Amino acid sequence: MHFGAAVPTVDIGALSGEDFLLDVREDDEWNAGHAAEALHIPMSAFVERYGELTEAAPQDGRVNVVCRSGARSAQVAMYLRQQGIDAVNVEGGMRAWETAGRPLVDEKGGPGFVA
């Protein structure tokens, strides 16, 4: 899914464990499976919880935004870019993450899956 030049994307293969990852999926999706190192702020609560991102994100680093397939994360990445934050949409979302064999954990720390 492409959103034009306004929303830069990054491929799963280009991400390392050191990259900052923001997961904007809803709680049930997060609980089923997520990247262990990701910050979780659901899109539905993003505006009121925006301060959590600014506290956690690297000051001069990029925010890699992910959702299930890339649509919601593209919207959040566009919003963040409008706020002056270097943000990109993770191409293919958590579905691509899972397909690439990247690890997922559930809400209890066990093996997860993309819901």
PDB file of N, CA and C in Angstrom:
ATOM      1  N   MET A   1       0.848  -1.170   0.000  1.00  0.00           N
ATOM      2  CA  MET A   1       0.000   0.000   0.000  1.00  0.00           C
ATOM      3  C   MET A   1       0.895   1.234   0.000  1.00  0.00           C
ATOM      4  N   HIS A   2       0.676   2.144  -0.922  1.00  0.00           N
ATOM      5  CA  HIS A   2       1.500   3.335  -1.031  1.00  0.00           C
ATOM      6  C   HIS A   2       0.650   4.575  -0.796  1.00  0.00           C
ATOM      7  N   PHE A   3       1.210   5.541  -0.100  1.00  0.00           N
ATOM      8  CA  PHE A   3       0.501   6.768   0.215  1.00  0.00           C
ATOM      9  C   PHE A   3       1.183   7.974  -0.403  1.00  0.00           C
ATOM     10  N   GLY A   4       1.915   7.763  -1.474  1.00  0.00           N
ATOM     11  CA  GLY A   4       2.563   8.849  -2.167  1.00  0.00           C
ATOM     12  C   GLY A   4       3.818   9.322  -1.460  1.00  0.00           C
ATOM     13  N   ALA A   5       4.391  10.376  -2.000  1.00  0.00           N
ATOM     14  CA  ALA A   5       5.655  10.897  -1.487  1.00  0.00           C
ATOM     15  C   ALA A   5       5.504  11.531  -0.107  1.00  0.00           C
ATOM     16  N   ALA A   6       4.288  11.854   0.297  1.00  0.00           N
ATOM     17  CA  ALA A   6       4.081  12.510   1.585  1.00  0.00           C
ATOM     18  C   ALA A   6       4.407  11.600   2.765  1.00  0.00           C
ATOM     19  N   VAL A   7       4.340  10.292   2.558  1.00  0.00           N
ATOM     20  CA  VAL A   7       4.611   9.355   3.647  1.00  0.00           C
ATOM     21  C   VAL A   7       5.723   8.399   3.228  1.00  0.00           C
ATOM     22  N   PRO A   8       6.940   8.672   3.652  1.00  0.00           N
ATOM     23  CA  PRO A   8       8.032   7.751   3.332  1.00  0.00           C
ATOM     24  C   PRO A   8       7.806   6.398   4.003  1.00  0.00           C
ATOM     25  N   THR A   9       8.307   5.359   3.363  1.00  0.00           N
ATOM     26  CA  THR A   9       8.174   4.021   3.920  1.00  0.00           C
ATOM     27  C   THR A   9       9.544   3.398   4.125  1.00  0.00           C
ATOM     28  N   VAL A  10       9.559   2.366   4.961  1.00  0.00           N
ATOM     29  CA  VAL A  10      10.762   1.579   5.177  1.00  0.00           C
ATOM     30  C   VAL A  10      10.365   0.110   5.082  1.00  0.00           C
ATOM     31  N   ASP A  11      11.213  -0.676   4.475  1.00  0.00           N
ATOM     32  CA  ASP A  11      10.983  -2.103   4.344  1.00  0.00           C
ATOM     33  C   ASP A  11      11.388  -2.807   5.639  1.00  0.00           C
ATOM     34  N   ILE A  12      10.694  -3.872   5.982  1.00  0.00           N
ATOM     35  CA  ILE A  12      11.004  -4.660   7.177  1.00  0.00           C
ATOM     36  C   ILE A  12      12.482  -5.045   7.212  1.00  0.00           C
ATOM     37  N   GLY A  13      13.021  -5.444   6.084  1.00  0.00           N
ATOM     38  CA  GLY A  13      14.405  -5.887   6.016  1.00  0.00           C
ATOM     39  C   GLY A  13      15.414  -4.811   6.379  1.00  0.00           C
ATOM     40  N   ALA A  14      15.014  -3.548   6.292  1.00  0.00           N
ATOM     41  CA  ALA A  14      15.923  -2.443   6.605  1.00  0.00           C
ATOM     42  C   ALA A  14      15.932  -2.097   8.090  1.00  0.00           C
ATOM     43  N   LEU A  15      15.033  -2.694   8.870  1.00  0.00           N
ATOM     44  CA  LEU A  15      14.951  -2.392  10.302  1.00  0.00           C
ATOM     45  C   LEU A  15      15.840  -3.327  11.109  1.00  0.00           C
ATOM     46  N   SER A  16      16.479  -2.749  12.107  1.00  0.00           N
ATOM     47  CA  SER A  16      17.285  -3.553  13.029  1.00  0.00           C
ATOM     48  C   SER A  16      16.644  -3.489  14.412  1.00  0.00           C
ATOM     49  N   GLY A  17      17.151  -4.274  15.319  1.00  0.00           N
ATOM     50  CA  GLY A  17      16.641  -4.270  16.692  1.00  0.00           C
ATOM     51  C   GLY A  17      16.905  -2.966  17.415  1.00  0.00           C
ATOM     52  N   GLU A  18      17.764  -2.128  16.843  1.00  0.00           N
ATOM     53  CA  GLU A  18      18.092  -0.830  17.441  1.00  0.00           C
ATOM     54  C   GLU A  18      17.126   0.267  17.014  1.00  0.00           C
ATOM     55  N   ASP A  19      16.351   0.031  15.968  1.00  0.00           N
ATOM     56  CA  ASP A  19      15.444   1.051  15.449  1.00  0.00           C
ATOM     57  C   ASP A  19      14.222   1.207  16.349  1.00  0.00           C
ATOM     58  N   PHE A  20      13.770   2.451  16.513  1.00  0.00           N
ATOM     59  CA  PHE A  20      12.602   2.738  17.340  1.00  0.00           C
ATOM     60  C   PHE A  20      11.342   2.367  16.572  1.00  0.00           C
ATOM     61  N   LEU A  21      10.472   1.570  17.197  1.00  0.00           N
ATOM     62  CA  LEU A  21       9.260   1.079  16.548  1.00  0.00           C
ATOM     63  C   LEU A  21       8.037   1.496  17.364  1.00  0.00           C
ATOM     64  N   LEU A  22       7.103   2.151  16.708  1.00  0.00           N
ATOM     65  CA  LEU A  22       5.838   2.561  17.315  1.00  0.00           C
ATOM     66  C   LEU A  22       4.725   1.736  16.697  1.00  0.00           C
ATOM     67  N   ASP A  23       4.022   0.961  17.520  1.00  0.00           N
ATOM     68  CA  ASP A  23       2.921   0.112  17.066  1.00  0.00           C
ATOM     69  C   ASP A  23       1.609   0.816  17.399  1.00  0.00           C
ATOM     70  N   VAL A  24       0.800   1.109  16.373  1.00  0.00           N
ATOM     71  CA  VAL A  24      -0.442   1.859  16.575  1.00  0.00           C
ATOM     72  C   VAL A  24      -1.691   0.988  16.460  1.00  0.00           C
ATOM     73  N   ARG A  25      -1.517  -0.332  16.526  1.00  0.00           N
ATOM     74  CA  ARG A  25      -2.677  -1.230  16.468  1.00  0.00           C
ATOM     75  C   ARG A  25      -3.462  -1.158  17.782  1.00  0.00           C
ATOM     76  N   GLU A  26      -4.657  -1.653  17.753  1.00  0.00           N
ATOM     77  CA  GLU A  26      -5.506  -1.639  18.943  1.00  0.00           C
ATOM     78  C   GLU A  26      -5.063  -2.715  19.933  1.00  0.00           C
ATOM     79  N   ASP A  27      -5.563  -2.610  21.164  1.00  0.00           N
ATOM     80  CA  ASP A  27      -5.119  -3.473  22.259  1.00  0.00           C
ATOM     81  C   ASP A  27      -5.232  -4.968  21.945  1.00  0.00           C
ATOM     82  N   ASP A  28      -6.346  -5.393  21.334  1.00  0.00           N
ATOM     83  CA  ASP A  28      -6.517  -6.818  21.052  1.00  0.00           C
ATOM     84  C   ASP A  28      -5.472  -7.311  20.051  1.00  0.00           C
ATOM     85  N   GLU A  29      -5.133  -6.493  19.082  1.00  0.00           N
ATOM     86  CA  GLU A  29      -4.109  -6.855  18.108  1.00  0.00           C
ATOM     87  C   GLU A  29      -2.737  -6.931  18.779  1.00  0.00           C
ATOM     88  N   TRP A  30      -2.434  -5.939  19.599  1.00  0.00           N
ATOM     89  CA  TRP A  30      -1.163  -5.891  20.338  1.00  0.00           C
ATOM     90  C   TRP A  30      -1.034  -7.115  21.238  1.00  0.00           C
ATOM     91  N   ASN A  31      -2.097  -7.433  21.970  1.00  0.00           N
ATOM     92  CA  ASN A  31      -2.067  -8.557  22.907  1.00  0.00           C
ATOM     93  C   ASN A  31      -1.818  -9.885  22.212  1.00  0.00           C
ATOM     94  N   ALA A  32      -2.300 -10.037  20.984  1.00  0.00           N
ATOM     95  CA  ALA A  32      -2.111 -11.284  20.235  1.00  0.00           C
ATOM     96  C   ALA A  32      -0.657 -11.473  19.827  1.00  0.00           C
ATOM     97  N   GLY A  33       0.009 -10.395  19.441  1.00  0.00           N
ATOM     98  CA  GLY A  33       1.402 -10.504  19.035  1.00  0.00           C
ATOM     99  C   GLY A  33       1.985  -9.173  18.620  1.00  0.00           C
ATOM    100  N   HIS A  34       3.170  -8.884  19.121  1.00  0.00           N
ATOM    101  CA  HIS A  34       3.852  -7.626  18.809  1.00  0.00           C
ATOM    102  C   HIS A  34       5.365  -7.807  18.908  1.00  0.00           C
ATOM    103  N   ALA A  35       6.083  -6.838  18.379  1.00  0.00           N
ATOM    104  CA  ALA A  35       7.535  -6.817  18.531  1.00  0.00           C
ATOM    105  C   ALA A  35       7.825  -6.421  19.975  1.00  0.00           C
ATOM    106  N   ALA A  36       8.659  -7.193  20.642  1.00  0.00           N
ATOM    107  CA  ALA A  36       8.910  -6.985  22.067  1.00  0.00           C
ATOM    108  C   ALA A  36       9.423  -5.585  22.377  1.00  0.00           C
ATOM    109  N   GLU A  37      10.209  -5.011  21.479  1.00  0.00           N
ATOM    110  CA  GLU A  37      10.824  -3.713  21.750  1.00  0.00           C
ATOM    111  C   GLU A  37       9.952  -2.515  21.366  1.00  0.00           C
ATOM    112  N   ALA A  38       8.779  -2.747  20.799  1.00  0.00           N
ATOM    113  CA  ALA A  38       7.932  -1.660  20.302  1.00  0.00           C
ATOM    114  C   ALA A  38       7.238  -0.893  21.426  1.00  0.00           C
ATOM    115  N   LEU A  39       6.983   0.383  21.161  1.00  0.00           N
ATOM    116  CA  LEU A  39       6.122   1.201  22.014  1.00  0.00           C
ATOM    117  C   LEU A  39       4.714   1.068  21.455  1.00  0.00           C
ATOM    118  N   HIS A  40       3.745   0.830  22.336  1.00  0.00           N
ATOM    119  CA  HIS A  40       2.367   0.651  21.888  1.00  0.00           C
ATOM    120  C   HIS A  40       1.516   1.851  22.283  1.00  0.00           C
ATOM    121  N   ILE A  41       1.006   2.542  21.281  1.00  0.00           N
ATOM    122  CA  ILE A  41       0.013   3.596  21.479  1.00  0.00           C
ATOM    123  C   ILE A  41      -1.034   3.394  20.389  1.00  0.00           C
ATOM    124  N   PRO A  42      -2.218   2.876  20.750  1.00  0.00           N
ATOM    125  CA  PRO A  42      -3.244   2.635  19.728  1.00  0.00           C
ATOM    126  C   PRO A  42      -3.612   3.922  18.991  1.00  0.00           C
ATOM    127  N   MET A  43      -3.881   3.798  17.703  1.00  0.00           N
ATOM    128  CA  MET A  43      -4.269   4.960  16.913  1.00  0.00           C
ATOM    129  C   MET A  43      -5.487   5.653  17.517  1.00  0.00           C
ATOM    130  N   SER A  44      -6.411   4.885  18.069  1.00  0.00           N
ATOM    131  CA  SER A  44      -7.633   5.463  18.633  1.00  0.00           C
ATOM    132  C   SER A  44      -7.360   6.339  19.859  1.00  0.00           C
ATOM    133  N   ALA A  45      -6.198   6.186  20.470  1.00  0.00           N
ATOM    134  CA  ALA A  45      -5.834   6.984  21.653  1.00  0.00           C
ATOM    135  C   ALA A  45      -4.599   7.835  21.407  1.00  0.00           C
ATOM    136  N   PHE A  46      -4.192   7.941  20.143  1.00  0.00           N
ATOM    137  CA  PHE A  46      -2.893   8.537  19.851  1.00  0.00           C
ATOM    138  C   PHE A  46      -2.775  10.003  20.255  1.00  0.00           C
ATOM    139  N   VAL A  47      -3.761  10.798  19.934  1.00  0.00           N
ATOM    140  CA  VAL A  47      -3.660  12.235  20.220  1.00  0.00           C
ATOM    141  C   VAL A  47      -3.532  12.485  21.716  1.00  0.00           C
ATOM    142  N   GLU A  48      -4.356  11.831  22.533  1.00  0.00           N
ATOM    143  CA  GLU A  48      -4.280  12.060  23.979  1.00  0.00           C
ATOM    144  C   GLU A  48      -3.041  11.439  24.622  1.00  0.00           C
ATOM    145  N   ARG A  49      -2.410  10.470  23.958  1.00  0.00           N
ATOM    146  CA  ARG A  49      -1.211   9.824  24.513  1.00  0.00           C
ATOM    147  C   ARG A  49       0.069  10.230  23.783  1.00  0.00           C
ATOM    148  N   TYR A  50      -0.007  11.266  22.978  1.00  0.00           N
ATOM    149  CA  TYR A  50       1.119  11.746  22.177  1.00  0.00           C
ATOM    150  C   TYR A  50       2.366  11.993  23.028  1.00  0.00           C
ATOM    151  N   GLY A  51       2.199  12.497  24.234  1.00  0.00           N
ATOM    152  CA  GLY A  51       3.328  12.769  25.128  1.00  0.00           C
ATOM    153  C   GLY A  51       4.152  11.525  25.426  1.00  0.00           C
ATOM    154  N   GLU A  52       3.528  10.367  25.459  1.00  0.00           N
ATOM    155  CA  GLU A  52       4.267   9.115  25.690  1.00  0.00           C
ATOM    156  C   GLU A  52       5.286   8.889  24.571  1.00  0.00           C
ATOM    157  N   LEU A  53       4.898   9.225  23.360  1.00  0.00           N
ATOM    158  CA  LEU A  53       5.808   9.069  22.233  1.00  0.00           C
ATOM    159  C   LEU A  53       6.972  10.050  22.347  1.00  0.00           C
ATOM    160  N   THR A  54       6.674  11.309  22.621  1.00  0.00           N
ATOM    161  CA  THR A  54       7.743  12.298  22.666  1.00  0.00           C
ATOM    162  C   THR A  54       8.721  12.022  23.804  1.00  0.00           C
ATOM    163  N   GLU A  55       8.258  11.372  24.869  1.00  0.00           N
ATOM    164  CA  GLU A  55       9.153  10.994  25.967  1.00  0.00           C
ATOM    165  C   GLU A  55      10.027   9.795  25.595  1.00  0.00           C
ATOM    166  N   ALA A  56       9.485   8.857  24.844  1.00  0.00           N
ATOM    167  CA  ALA A  56      10.181   7.599  24.566  1.00  0.00           C
ATOM    168  C   ALA A  56      11.023   7.619  23.288  1.00  0.00           C
ATOM    169  N   ALA A  57      10.615   8.391  22.305  1.00  0.00           N
ATOM    170  CA  ALA A  57      11.292   8.385  21.011  1.00  0.00           C
ATOM    171  C   ALA A  57      12.671   9.028  21.103  1.00  0.00           C
ATOM    172  N   PRO A  58      13.604   8.540  20.293  1.00  0.00           N
ATOM    173  CA  PRO A  58      14.937   9.158  20.270  1.00  0.00           C
ATOM    174  C   PRO A  58      14.839  10.597  19.769  1.00  0.00           C
ATOM    175  N   GLN A  59      15.565  11.500  20.404  1.00  0.00           N
ATOM    176  CA  GLN A  59      15.490  12.927  20.058  1.00  0.00           C
ATOM    177  C   GLN A  59      15.846  13.205  18.602  1.00  0.00           C
ATOM    178  N   ASP A  60      16.890  12.586  18.115  1.00  0.00           N
ATOM    179  CA  ASP A  60      17.325  12.848  16.749  1.00  0.00           C
ATOM    180  C   ASP A  60      17.190  11.623  15.855  1.00  0.00           C
ATOM    181  N   GLY A  61      16.338  10.688  16.276  1.00  0.00           N
ATOM    182  CA  GLY A  61      16.193   9.454  15.508  1.00  0.00           C
ATOM    183  C   GLY A  61      14.862   9.384  14.803  1.00  0.00           C
ATOM    184  N   ARG A  62      14.725   8.335  14.036  1.00  0.00           N
ATOM    185  CA  ARG A  62      13.516   8.119  13.253  1.00  0.00           C
ATOM    186  C   ARG A  62      12.516   7.279  14.030  1.00  0.00           C
ATOM    187  N   VAL A  63      11.243   7.581  13.843  1.00  0.00           N
ATOM    188  CA  VAL A  63      10.153   6.791  14.405  1.00  0.00           C
ATOM    189  C   VAL A  63       9.588   5.936  13.273  1.00  0.00           C
ATOM    190  N   ASN A  64       9.688   4.623  13.423  1.00  0.00           N
ATOM    191  CA  ASN A  64       9.155   3.668  12.454  1.00  0.00           C
ATOM    192  C   ASN A  64       7.776   3.253  12.947  1.00  0.00           C
ATOM    193  N   VAL A  65       6.739   3.609  12.203  1.00  0.00           N
ATOM    194  CA  VAL A  65       5.361   3.395  12.641  1.00  0.00           C
ATOM    195  C   VAL A  65       4.797   2.166  11.941  1.00  0.00           C
ATOM    196  N   VAL A  66       4.165   1.288  12.745  1.00  0.00           N
ATOM    197  CA  VAL A  66       3.649   0.034  12.213  1.00  0.00           C
ATOM    198  C   VAL A  66       2.229  -0.218  12.706  1.00  0.00           C
ATOM    199  N   CYS A  67       1.433  -0.850  11.851  1.00  0.00           N
ATOM    200  CA  CYS A  67       0.109  -1.354  12.231  1.00  0.00           C
ATOM    201  C   CYS A  67      -0.010  -2.753  11.622  1.00  0.00           C
ATOM    202  N   ARG A  68      -1.183  -3.226  11.361  1.00  0.00           N
ATOM    203  CA  ARG A  68      -1.338  -4.587  10.810  1.00  0.00           C
ATOM    204  C   ARG A  68      -0.849  -4.667   9.374  1.00  0.00           C
ATOM    205  N   SER A  69      -1.291  -3.717   8.524  1.00  0.00           N
ATOM    206  CA  SER A  69      -0.939  -3.809   7.103  1.00  0.00           C
ATOM    207  C   SER A  69      -0.287  -2.556   6.538  1.00  0.00           C
ATOM    208  N   GLY A  70      -0.348  -1.450   7.234  1.00  0.00           N
ATOM    209  CA  GLY A  70       0.303  -0.232   6.788  1.00  0.00           C
ATOM    210  C   GLY A  70      -0.595   0.970   6.572  1.00  0.00           C
ATOM    211  N   ALA A  71      -1.906   0.815   6.660  1.00  0.00           N
ATOM    212  CA  ALA A  71      -2.806   1.940   6.407  1.00  0.00           C
ATOM    213  C   ALA A  71      -2.881   2.893   7.600  1.00  0.00           C
ATOM    214  N   ARG A  72      -3.160   2.367   8.783  1.00  0.00           N
ATOM    215  CA  ARG A  72      -3.242   3.233   9.973  1.00  0.00           C
ATOM    216  C   ARG A  72      -1.890   3.858  10.279  1.00  0.00           C
ATOM    217  N   SER A  73      -0.839   3.064  10.145  1.00  0.00           N
ATOM    218  CA  SER A  73       0.494   3.588  10.456  1.00  0.00           C
ATOM    219  C   SER A  73       0.892   4.690   9.476  1.00  0.00           C
ATOM    220  N   ALA A  74       0.434   4.620   8.240  1.00  0.00           N
ATOM    221  CA  ALA A  74       0.720   5.688   7.277  1.00  0.00           C
ATOM    222  C   ALA A  74       0.071   6.990   7.735  1.00  0.00           C
ATOM    223  N   GLN A  75      -1.145   6.902   8.249  1.00  0.00           N
ATOM    224  CA  GLN A  75      -1.835   8.094   8.733  1.00  0.00           C
ATOM    225  C   GLN A  75      -1.114   8.700   9.933  1.00  0.00           C
ATOM    226  N   VAL A  76      -0.666   7.844  10.854  1.00  0.00           N
ATOM    227  CA  VAL A  76       0.052   8.327  12.031  1.00  0.00           C
ATOM    228  C   VAL A  76       1.409   8.892  11.626  1.00  0.00           C
ATOM    229  N   ALA A  77       2.101   8.232  10.717  1.00  0.00           N
ATOM    230  CA  ALA A  77       3.393   8.735  10.249  1.00  0.00           C
ATOM    231  C   ALA A  77       3.225  10.110   9.596  1.00  0.00           C
ATOM    232  N   MET A  78       2.173  10.289   8.813  1.00  0.00           N
ATOM    233  CA  MET A  78       1.923  11.579   8.188  1.00  0.00           C
ATOM    234  C   MET A  78       1.675  12.646   9.258  1.00  0.00           C
ATOM    235  N   TYR A  79       0.886  12.320  10.257  1.00  0.00           N
ATOM    236  CA  TYR A  79       0.621  13.246  11.357  1.00  0.00           C
ATOM    237  C   TYR A  79       1.925  13.632  12.061  1.00  0.00           C
ATOM    238  N   LEU A  80       2.757  12.628  12.364  1.00  0.00           N
ATOM    239  CA  LEU A  80       4.018  12.897  13.054  1.00  0.00           C
ATOM    240  C   LEU A  80       4.930  13.786  12.210  1.00  0.00           C
ATOM    241  N   ARG A  81       4.977  13.560  10.927  1.00  0.00           N
ATOM    242  CA  ARG A  81       5.795  14.389  10.039  1.00  0.00           C
ATOM    243  C   ARG A  81       5.303  15.831  10.055  1.00  0.00           C
ATOM    244  N   GLN A  82       3.999  16.012  10.142  1.00  0.00           N
ATOM    245  CA  GLN A  82       3.437  17.364  10.234  1.00  0.00           C
ATOM    246  C   GLN A  82       3.831  18.048  11.545  1.00  0.00           C
ATOM    247  N   GLN A  83       4.158  17.244  12.568  1.00  0.00           N
ATOM    248  CA  GLN A  83       4.602  17.774  13.857  1.00  0.00           C
ATOM    249  C   GLN A  83       6.115  17.979  13.895  1.00  0.00           C
ATOM    250  N   GLY A  84       6.784  17.700  12.782  1.00  0.00           N
ATOM    251  CA  GLY A  84       8.223  17.889  12.698  1.00  0.00           C
ATOM    252  C   GLY A  84       9.054  16.698  13.145  1.00  0.00           C
ATOM    253  N   ILE A  85       8.415  15.535  13.296  1.00  0.00           N
ATOM    254  CA  ILE A  85       9.110  14.314  13.709  1.00  0.00           C
ATOM    255  C   ILE A  85       9.468  13.498  12.474  1.00  0.00           C
ATOM    256  N   ASP A  86      10.686  12.979  12.463  1.00  0.00           N
ATOM    257  CA  ASP A  86      11.132  12.114  11.377  1.00  0.00           C
ATOM    258  C   ASP A  86      10.443  10.758  11.552  1.00  0.00           C
ATOM    259  N   ALA A  87       9.366  10.543  10.828  1.00  0.00           N
ATOM    260  CA  ALA A  87       8.586   9.306  10.946  1.00  0.00           C
ATOM    261  C   ALA A  87       8.404   8.673   9.577  1.00  0.00           C
ATOM    262  N   VAL A  88       8.402   7.343   9.559  1.00  0.00           N
ATOM    263  CA  VAL A  88       8.176   6.586   8.330  1.00  0.00           C
ATOM    264  C   VAL A  88       7.184   5.464   8.607  1.00  0.00           C
ATOM    265  N   ASN A  89       6.509   5.063   7.565  1.00  0.00           N
ATOM    266  CA  ASN A  89       5.566   3.955   7.638  1.00  0.00           C
ATOM    267  C   ASN A  89       6.303   2.646   7.339  1.00  0.00           C
ATOM    268  N   VAL A  90       6.087   1.634   8.171  1.00  0.00           N
ATOM    269  CA  VAL A  90       6.699   0.327   7.926  1.00  0.00           C
ATOM    270  C   VAL A  90       5.873  -0.393   6.862  1.00  0.00           C
ATOM    271  N   GLU A  91       6.473  -0.576   5.711  1.00  0.00           N
ATOM    272  CA  GLU A  91       5.813  -1.187   4.545  1.00  0.00           C
ATOM    273  C   GLU A  91       5.285  -2.584   4.891  1.00  0.00           C
ATOM    274  N   GLY A  92       3.987  -2.792   4.686  1.00  0.00           N
ATOM    275  CA  GLY A  92       3.389  -4.107   4.908  1.00  0.00           C
ATOM    276  C   GLY A  92       3.006  -4.399   6.344  1.00  0.00           C
ATOM    277  N   GLY A  93       3.380  -3.524   7.266  1.00  0.00           N
ATOM    278  CA  GLY A  93       2.982  -3.652   8.661  1.00  0.00           C
ATOM    279  C   GLY A  93       3.430  -4.935   9.348  1.00  0.00           C
ATOM    280  N   MET A  94       2.698  -5.307  10.373  1.00  0.00           N
ATOM    281  CA  MET A  94       3.035  -6.498  11.159  1.00  0.00           C
ATOM    282  C   MET A  94       2.805  -7.786  10.371  1.00  0.00           C
ATOM    283  N   ARG A  95       1.986  -7.729   9.336  1.00  0.00           N
ATOM    284  CA  ARG A  95       1.836  -8.907   8.480  1.00  0.00           C
ATOM    285  C   ARG A  95       3.164  -9.198   7.784  1.00  0.00           C
ATOM    286  N   ALA A  96       3.829  -8.142   7.294  1.00  0.00           N
ATOM    287  CA  ALA A  96       5.140  -8.320   6.659  1.00  0.00           C
ATOM    288  C   ALA A  96       6.175  -8.732   7.706  1.00  0.00           C
ATOM    289  N   TRP A  97       6.051  -8.198   8.902  1.00  0.00           N
ATOM    290  CA  TRP A  97       6.960  -8.553  10.014  1.00  0.00           C
ATOM    291  C   TRP A  97       6.891 -10.058  10.257  1.00  0.00           C
ATOM    292  N   GLU A  98       5.667 -10.570  10.376  1.00  0.00           N
ATOM    293  CA  GLU A  98       5.453 -11.999  10.627  1.00  0.00           C
ATOM    294  C   GLU A  98       5.953 -12.843   9.454  1.00  0.00           C
ATOM    295  N   THR A  99       5.642 -12.428   8.231  1.00  0.00           N
ATOM    296  CA  THR A  99       6.076 -13.146   7.036  1.00  0.00           C
ATOM    297  C   THR A  99       7.598 -13.215   6.951  1.00  0.00           C
ATOM    298  N   ALA A 100       8.264 -12.159   7.409  1.00  0.00           N
ATOM    299  CA  ALA A 100       9.734 -12.112   7.381  1.00  0.00           C
ATOM    300  C   ALA A 100      10.363 -12.964   8.487  1.00  0.00           C
ATOM    301  N   GLY A 101       9.519 -13.549   9.335  1.00  0.00           N
ATOM    302  CA  GLY A 101      10.035 -14.398  10.406  1.00  0.00           C
ATOM    303  C   GLY A 101      10.562 -13.630  11.607  1.00  0.00           C
ATOM    304  N   ARG A 102      10.194 -12.366  11.724  1.00  0.00           N
ATOM    305  CA  ARG A 102      10.615 -11.573  12.873  1.00  0.00           C
ATOM    306  C   ARG A 102       9.842 -12.045  14.107  1.00  0.00           C
ATOM    307  N   PRO A 103      10.466 -12.011  15.289  1.00  0.00           N
ATOM    308  CA  PRO A 103       9.805 -12.531  16.485  1.00  0.00           C
ATOM    309  C   PRO A 103       8.610 -11.695  16.934  1.00  0.00           C
ATOM    310  N   LEU A 104       7.616 -12.399  17.436  1.00  0.00           N
ATOM    311  CA  LEU A 104       6.403 -11.798  17.994  1.00  0.00           C
ATOM    312  C   LEU A 104       6.161 -12.398  19.374  1.00  0.00           C
ATOM    313  N   VAL A 105       5.760 -11.550  20.306  1.00  0.00           N
ATOM    314  CA  VAL A 105       5.383 -12.033  21.636  1.00  0.00           C
ATOM    315  C   VAL A 105       3.947 -11.622  21.913  1.00  0.00           C
ATOM    316  N   ASP A 106       3.252 -12.428  22.714  1.00  0.00           N
ATOM    317  CA  ASP A 106       1.891 -12.072  23.090  1.00  0.00           C
ATOM    318  C   ASP A 106       1.922 -11.277  24.387  1.00  0.00           C
ATOM    319  N   GLU A 107       0.749 -10.957  24.918  1.00  0.00           N
ATOM    320  CA  GLU A 107       0.658 -10.112  26.111  1.00  0.00           C
ATOM    321  C   GLU A 107       1.330 -10.737  27.334  1.00  0.00           C
ATOM    322  N   LYS A 108       1.531 -12.051  27.332  1.00  0.00           N
ATOM    323  CA  LYS A 108       2.160 -12.729  28.463  1.00  0.00           C
ATOM    324  C   LYS A 108       3.622 -13.052  28.220  1.00  0.00           C
ATOM    325  N   GLY A 109       4.138 -12.613  27.062  1.00  0.00           N
ATOM    326  CA  GLY A 109       5.554 -12.872  26.742  1.00  0.00           C
ATOM    327  C   GLY A 109       5.802 -14.160  26.002  1.00  0.00           C
ATOM    328  N   GLY A 110       4.735 -14.905  25.686  1.00  0.00           N
ATOM    329  CA  GLY A 110       4.870 -16.136  24.923  1.00  0.00           C
ATOM    330  C   GLY A 110       4.867 -15.843  23.426  1.00  0.00           C
ATOM    331  N   PRO A 111       4.935 -16.886  22.622  1.00  0.00           N
ATOM    332  CA  PRO A 111       4.912 -16.695  21.166  1.00  0.00           C
ATOM    333  C   PRO A 111       3.614 -16.012  20.730  1.00  0.00           C
ATOM    334  N   GLY A 112       3.724 -15.049  19.840  1.00  0.00           N
ATOM    335  CA  GLY A 112       2.551 -14.308  19.394  1.00  0.00           C
ATOM    336  C   GLY A 112       2.268 -14.526  17.933  1.00  0.00           C
ATOM    337  N   PHE A 113       1.195 -13.917  17.472  1.00  0.00           N
ATOM    338  CA  PHE A 113       0.792 -13.972  16.069  1.00  0.00           C
ATOM    339  C   PHE A 113       0.101 -12.655  15.717  1.00  0.00           C
ATOM    340  N   VAL A 114       0.010 -12.367  14.431  1.00  0.00           N
ATOM    341  CA  VAL A 114      -0.660 -11.144  13.979  1.00  0.00           C
ATOM    342  C   VAL A 114      -2.136 -11.425  13.821  1.00  0.00           C
ATOM    343  N   ALA A 115      -2.927 -10.709  14.595  1.00  0.00           N
ATOM    344  CA  ALA A 115      -4.390 -10.885  14.555  1.00  0.00           C
ATOM    345  C   ALA A 115      -5.007  -9.967  13.511  1.00  0.00           C
TER     346      ALA A 115
END
